[in-house]
Amino acid sequence: MFSAGNIGRLLRNLSVYAVGVGLAVAGALGLAAAIELSTVIATVLFIVGLVAVVAVHEYLGGPL
């Protein structure tokens, strides 16, 4: 069903995707002032998170 290569690819994609979503959420919460975070750091976190999610979708074949 799944080969070792497919499982490794799946875990890599899900890991990068989860980190990207986490960064984007933390950045969005910082921008909304829901958490104590400077605007500059929140903006950087949000952008890096979005770039990671887009990279998984566009270059790594999606999260699954």
PDB file of N, CA and C in Angstrom:
ATOM      1  N   MET A   1       0.834  -1.188   0.000  1.00  0.00           N
ATOM      2  CA  MET A   1       0.000   0.000   0.000  1.00  0.00           C
ATOM      3  C   MET A   1       0.876   1.248   0.000  1.00  0.00           C
ATOM      4  N   PHE A   2       1.665   1.433   1.034  1.00  0.00           N
ATOM      5  CA  PHE A   2       2.593   2.555   1.093  1.00  0.00           C
ATOM      6  C   PHE A   2       4.006   2.012   1.129  1.00  0.00           C
ATOM      7  N   SER A   3       4.873   2.578   0.318  1.00  0.00           N
ATOM      8  CA  SER A   3       6.280   2.194   0.417  1.00  0.00           C
ATOM      9  C   SER A   3       6.975   3.124   1.406  1.00  0.00           C
ATOM     10  N   ALA A   4       8.191   2.795   1.764  1.00  0.00           N
ATOM     11  CA  ALA A   4       8.936   3.616   2.729  1.00  0.00           C
ATOM     12  C   ALA A   4       9.149   5.022   2.188  1.00  0.00           C
ATOM     13  N   GLY A   5       9.364   5.136   0.887  1.00  0.00           N
ATOM     14  CA  GLY A   5       9.545   6.459   0.276  1.00  0.00           C
ATOM     15  C   GLY A   5       8.290   7.303   0.353  1.00  0.00           C
ATOM     16  N   ASN A   6       7.146   6.676   0.147  1.00  0.00           N
ATOM     17  CA  ASN A   6       5.887   7.413   0.226  1.00  0.00           C
ATOM     18  C   ASN A   6       5.587   7.870   1.643  1.00  0.00           C
ATOM     19  N   ILE A   7       5.883   7.036   2.617  1.00  0.00           N
ATOM     20  CA  ILE A   7       5.641   7.406   4.016  1.00  0.00           C
ATOM     21  C   ILE A   7       6.568   8.541   4.422  1.00  0.00           C
ATOM     22  N   GLY A   8       7.823   8.480   3.988  1.00  0.00           N
ATOM     23  CA  GLY A   8       8.767   9.564   4.283  1.00  0.00           C
ATOM     24  C   GLY A   8       8.329  10.879   3.666  1.00  0.00           C
ATOM     25  N   ARG A   9       7.858  10.824   2.411  1.00  0.00           N
ATOM     26  CA  ARG A   9       7.377  12.022   1.731  1.00  0.00           C
ATOM     27  C   ARG A   9       6.142  12.581   2.426  1.00  0.00           C
ATOM     28  N   LEU A  10       5.255  11.708   2.827  1.00  0.00           N
ATOM     29  CA  LEU A  10       4.041  12.128   3.522  1.00  0.00           C
ATOM     30  C   LEU A  10       4.371  12.799   4.850  1.00  0.00           C
ATOM     31  N   LEU A  11       5.261  12.207   5.618  1.00  0.00           N
ATOM     32  CA  LEU A  11       5.645  12.798   6.907  1.00  0.00           C
ATOM     33  C   LEU A  11       6.346  14.135   6.718  1.00  0.00           C
ATOM     34  N   ARG A  12       7.205  14.241   5.710  1.00  0.00           N
ATOM     35  CA  ARG A  12       7.882  15.511   5.425  1.00  0.00           C
ATOM     36  C   ARG A  12       6.866  16.591   5.064  1.00  0.00           C
ATOM     37  N   ASN A  13       5.959  16.269   4.157  1.00  0.00           N
ATOM     38  CA  ASN A  13       4.971  17.256   3.721  1.00  0.00           C
ATOM     39  C   ASN A  13       4.066  17.687   4.873  1.00  0.00           C
ATOM     40  N   LEU A  14       3.598  16.732   5.664  1.00  0.00           N
ATOM     41  CA  LEU A  14       2.731  17.079   6.789  1.00  0.00           C
ATOM     42  C   LEU A  14       3.470  17.898   7.840  1.00  0.00           C
ATOM     43  N   SER A  15       4.739  17.584   8.053  1.00  0.00           N
ATOM     44  CA  SER A  15       5.525  18.337   9.036  1.00  0.00           C
ATOM     45  C   SER A  15       5.730  19.781   8.591  1.00  0.00           C
ATOM     46  N   VAL A  16       6.134  19.968   7.347  1.00  0.00           N
ATOM     47  CA  VAL A  16       6.336  21.331   6.833  1.00  0.00           C
ATOM     48  C   VAL A  16       5.015  22.085   6.832  1.00  0.00           C
ATOM     49  N   TYR A  17       3.941  21.417   6.453  1.00  0.00           N
ATOM     50  CA  TYR A  17       2.625  22.033   6.413  1.00  0.00           C
ATOM     51  C   TYR A  17       2.176  22.457   7.814  1.00  0.00           C
ATOM     52  N   ALA A  18       2.367  21.580   8.796  1.00  0.00           N
ATOM     53  CA  ALA A  18       1.954  21.888  10.169  1.00  0.00           C
ATOM     54  C   ALA A  18       2.746  23.065  10.731  1.00  0.00           C
ATOM     55  N   VAL A  19       4.039  23.088  10.481  1.00  0.00           N
ATOM     56  CA  VAL A  19       4.858  24.206  10.952  1.00  0.00           C
ATOM     57  C   VAL A  19       4.418  25.498  10.269  1.00  0.00           C
ATOM     58  N   GLY A  20       4.158  25.440   8.978  1.00  0.00           N
ATOM     59  CA  GLY A  20       3.705  26.623   8.245  1.00  0.00           C
ATOM     60  C   GLY A  20       2.379  27.153   8.758  1.00  0.00           C
ATOM     61  N   VAL A  21       1.451  26.276   8.990  1.00  0.00           N
ATOM     62  CA  VAL A  21       0.150  26.699   9.521  1.00  0.00           C
ATOM     63  C   VAL A  21       0.308  27.280  10.916  1.00  0.00           C
ATOM     64  N   GLY A  22       1.134  26.653  11.733  1.00  0.00           N
ATOM     65  CA  GLY A  22       1.369  27.166  13.089  1.00  0.00           C
ATOM     66  C   GLY A  22       1.971  28.567  13.068  1.00  0.00           C
ATOM     67  N   LEU A  23       2.957  28.779  12.201  1.00  0.00           N
ATOM     68  CA  LEU A  23       3.560  30.103  12.091  1.00  0.00           C
ATOM     69  C   LEU A  23       2.555  31.138  11.594  1.00  0.00           C
ATOM     70  N   ALA A  24       1.764  30.768  10.595  1.00  0.00           N
ATOM     71  CA  ALA A  24       0.767  31.698  10.060  1.00  0.00           C
ATOM     72  C   ALA A  24      -0.281  32.045  11.117  1.00  0.00           C
ATOM     73  N   VAL A  25      -0.708  31.071  11.887  1.00  0.00           N
ATOM     74  CA  VAL A  25      -1.698  31.329  12.940  1.00  0.00           C
ATOM     75  C   VAL A  25      -1.109  32.219  14.024  1.00  0.00           C
ATOM     76  N   ALA A  26       0.122  31.932  14.432  1.00  0.00           N
ATOM     77  CA  ALA A  26       0.767  32.772  15.448  1.00  0.00           C
ATOM     78  C   ALA A  26       0.922  34.204  14.941  1.00  0.00           C
ATOM     79  N   GLY A  27       1.306  34.351  13.681  1.00  0.00           N
ATOM     80  CA  GLY A  27       1.427  35.680  13.099  1.00  0.00           C
ATOM     81  C   GLY A  27       0.095  36.400  13.017  1.00  0.00           C
ATOM     82  N   ALA A  28      -0.943  35.681  12.614  1.00  0.00           N
ATOM     83  CA  ALA A  28      -2.266  36.298  12.529  1.00  0.00           C
ATOM     84  C   ALA A  28      -2.771  36.724  13.901  1.00  0.00           C
ATOM     85  N   LEU A  29      -2.550  35.894  14.904  1.00  0.00           N
ATOM     86  CA  LEU A  29      -2.961  36.267  16.264  1.00  0.00           C
ATOM     87  C   LEU A  29      -2.178  37.472  16.762  1.00  0.00           C
ATOM     88  N   GLY A  30      -0.898  37.545  16.402  1.00  0.00           N
ATOM     89  CA  GLY A  30      -0.093  38.697  16.781  1.00  0.00           C
ATOM     90  C   GLY A  30      -0.555  39.965  16.090  1.00  0.00           C
ATOM     91  N   LEU A  31      -0.913  39.851  14.816  1.00  0.00           N
ATOM     92  CA  LEU A  31      -1.399  41.018  14.083  1.00  0.00           C
ATOM     93  C   LEU A  31      -2.751  41.487  14.604  1.00  0.00           C
ATOM     94  N   ALA A  32      -3.552  40.560  15.068  1.00  0.00           N
ATOM     95  CA  ALA A  32      -4.868  40.905  15.609  1.00  0.00           C
ATOM     96  C   ALA A  32      -4.797  41.349  17.063  1.00  0.00           C
ATOM     97  N   ALA A  33      -3.590  41.366  17.606  1.00  0.00           N
ATOM     98  CA  ALA A  33      -3.344  41.763  18.994  1.00  0.00           C
ATOM     99  C   ALA A  33      -4.027  40.837  20.001  1.00  0.00           C
ATOM    100  N   ALA A  34      -4.240  39.601  19.596  1.00  0.00           N
ATOM    101  CA  ALA A  34      -4.814  38.617  20.511  1.00  0.00           C
ATOM    102  C   ALA A  34      -3.735  38.037  21.417  1.00  0.00           C
ATOM    103  N   ILE A  35      -2.489  38.109  20.964  1.00  0.00           N
ATOM    104  CA  ILE A  35      -1.363  37.693  21.792  1.00  0.00           C
ATOM    105  C   ILE A  35      -0.333  38.818  21.788  1.00  0.00           C
ATOM    106  N   GLU A  36       0.506  38.826  22.798  1.00  0.00           N
ATOM    107  CA  GLU A  36       1.521  39.873  22.950  1.00  0.00           C
ATOM    108  C   GLU A  36       2.687  39.568  22.011  1.00  0.00           C
ATOM    109  N   LEU A  37       2.721  40.254  20.850  1.00  0.00           N
ATOM    110  CA  LEU A  37       3.758  40.036  19.850  1.00  0.00           C
ATOM    111  C   LEU A  37       3.913  41.316  19.060  1.00  0.00           C
ATOM    112  N   SER A  38       5.144  41.720  18.807  1.00  0.00           N
ATOM    113  CA  SER A  38       5.331  42.963  18.056  1.00  0.00           C
ATOM    114  C   SER A  38       4.807  42.785  16.630  1.00  0.00           C
ATOM    115  N   THR A  39       4.425  43.877  16.031  1.00  0.00           N
ATOM    116  CA  THR A  39       3.847  43.837  14.688  1.00  0.00           C
ATOM    117  C   THR A  39       4.846  43.323  13.666  1.00  0.00           C
ATOM    118  N   VAL A  40       6.089  43.712  13.800  1.00  0.00           N
ATOM    119  CA  VAL A  40       7.112  43.271  12.847  1.00  0.00           C
ATOM    120  C   VAL A  40       7.299  41.761  12.922  1.00  0.00           C
ATOM    121  N   ILE A  41       7.424  41.230  14.115  1.00  0.00           N
ATOM    122  CA  ILE A  41       7.608  39.785  14.280  1.00  0.00           C
ATOM    123  C   ILE A  41       6.361  39.036  13.820  1.00  0.00           C
ATOM    124  N   ALA A  42       5.197  39.543  14.141  1.00  0.00           N
ATOM    125  CA  ALA A  42       3.948  38.894  13.720  1.00  0.00           C
ATOM    126  C   ALA A  42       3.840  38.865  12.197  1.00  0.00           C
ATOM    127  N   THR A  43       4.220  39.944  11.549  1.00  0.00           N
ATOM    128  CA  THR A  43       4.164  39.993  10.089  1.00  0.00           C
ATOM    129  C   THR A  43       5.124  38.984   9.477  1.00  0.00           C
ATOM    130  N   VAL A  44       6.326  38.910  10.002  1.00  0.00           N
ATOM    131  CA  VAL A  44       7.310  37.954   9.490  1.00  0.00           C
ATOM    132  C   VAL A  44       6.825  36.525   9.694  1.00  0.00           C
ATOM    133  N   LEU A  45       6.299  36.217  10.865  1.00  0.00           N
ATOM    134  CA  LEU A  45       5.777  34.871  11.119  1.00  0.00           C
ATOM    135  C   LEU A  45       4.647  34.523  10.157  1.00  0.00           C
ATOM    136  N   PHE A  46       3.748  35.463   9.944  1.00  0.00           N
ATOM    137  CA  PHE A  46       2.618  35.229   9.050  1.00  0.00           C
ATOM    138  C   PHE A  46       3.085  34.952   7.626  1.00  0.00           C
ATOM    139  N   ILE A  47       4.012  35.760   7.131  1.00  0.00           N
ATOM    140  CA  ILE A  47       4.490  35.594   5.754  1.00  0.00           C
ATOM    141  C   ILE A  47       5.274  34.297   5.597  1.00  0.00           C
ATOM    142  N   VAL A  48       6.147  33.987   6.544  1.00  0.00           N
ATOM    143  CA  VAL A  48       6.922  32.741   6.472  1.00  0.00           C
ATOM    144  C   VAL A  48       5.987  31.529   6.525  1.00  0.00           C
ATOM    145  N   GLY A  49       4.958  31.603   7.357  1.00  0.00           N
ATOM    146  CA  GLY A  49       3.987  30.508   7.428  1.00  0.00           C
ATOM    147  C   GLY A  49       3.241  30.314   6.127  1.00  0.00           C
ATOM    148  N   LEU A  50       2.819  31.407   5.518  1.00  0.00           N
ATOM    149  CA  LEU A  50       2.110  31.297   4.233  1.00  0.00           C
ATOM    150  C   LEU A  50       3.021  30.756   3.140  1.00  0.00           C
ATOM    151  N   VAL A  51       4.269  31.194   3.127  1.00  0.00           N
ATOM    152  CA  VAL A  51       5.220  30.694   2.129  1.00  0.00           C
ATOM    153  C   VAL A  51       5.437  29.187   2.307  1.00  0.00           C
ATOM    154  N   ALA A  52       5.530  28.726   3.529  1.00  0.00           N
ATOM    155  CA  ALA A  52       5.715  27.292   3.778  1.00  0.00           C
ATOM    156  C   ALA A  52       4.509  26.488   3.296  1.00  0.00           C
ATOM    157  N   VAL A  53       3.323  26.984   3.551  1.00  0.00           N
ATOM    158  CA  VAL A  53       2.112  26.278   3.110  1.00  0.00           C
ATOM    159  C   VAL A  53       2.027  26.258   1.584  1.00  0.00           C
ATOM    160  N   VAL A  54       2.311  27.370   0.950  1.00  0.00           N
ATOM    161  CA  VAL A  54       2.277  27.427  -0.518  1.00  0.00           C
ATOM    162  C   VAL A  54       3.356  26.524  -1.104  1.00  0.00           C
ATOM    163  N   ALA A  55       4.528  26.474  -0.484  1.00  0.00           N
ATOM    164  CA  ALA A  55       5.601  25.603  -0.977  1.00  0.00           C
ATOM    165  C   ALA A  55       5.184  24.143  -0.929  1.00  0.00           C
ATOM    166  N   VAL A  56       4.511  23.738   0.134  1.00  0.00           N
ATOM    167  CA  VAL A  56       4.037  22.350   0.218  1.00  0.00           C
ATOM    168  C   VAL A  56       3.045  22.068  -0.894  1.00  0.00           C
ATOM    169  N   HIS A  57       2.140  22.986  -1.141  1.00  0.00           N
ATOM    170  CA  HIS A  57       1.125  22.767  -2.173  1.00  0.00           C
ATOM    171  C   HIS A  57       1.702  22.806  -3.579  1.00  0.00           C
ATOM    172  N   GLU A  58       2.568  23.744  -3.849  1.00  0.00           N
ATOM    173  CA  GLU A  58       3.043  23.936  -5.199  1.00  0.00           C
ATOM    174  C   GLU A  58       4.235  23.056  -5.581  1.00  0.00           C
ATOM    175  N   TYR A  59       5.170  22.864  -4.669  1.00  0.00           N
ATOM    176  CA  TYR A  59       6.411  22.205  -5.012  1.00  0.00           C
ATOM    177  C   TYR A  59       6.547  20.797  -4.460  1.00  0.00           C
ATOM    178  N   LEU A  60       5.830  20.480  -3.409  1.00  0.00           N
ATOM    179  CA  LEU A  60       5.971  19.154  -2.803  1.00  0.00           C
ATOM    180  C   LEU A  60       4.752  18.264  -3.039  1.00  0.00           C
ATOM    181  N   GLY A  61       3.787  18.719  -3.800  1.00  0.00           N
ATOM    182  CA  GLY A  61       2.660  17.877  -4.170  1.00  0.00           C
ATOM    183  C   GLY A  61       1.524  17.840  -3.185  1.00  0.00           C
ATOM    184  N   GLY A  62       1.408  18.810  -2.316  1.00  0.00           N
ATOM    185  CA  GLY A  62       0.305  18.848  -1.369  1.00  0.00           C
ATOM    186  C   GLY A  62       0.650  18.168  -0.056  1.00  0.00           C
ATOM    187  N   PRO A  63      -0.158  18.402   0.966  1.00  0.00           N
ATOM    188  CA  PRO A  63       0.139  17.840   2.275  1.00  0.00           C
ATOM    189  C   PRO A  63      -0.054  16.320   2.335  1.00  0.00           C
ATOM    190  N   LEU A  64      -0.898  15.753   1.505  1.00  0.00           N
ATOM    191  CA  LEU A  64      -1.122  14.299   1.540  1.00  0.00           C
ATOM    192  C   LEU A  64      -0.679  13.637   0.294  1.00  0.00           C
TER     193      LEU A  64
END
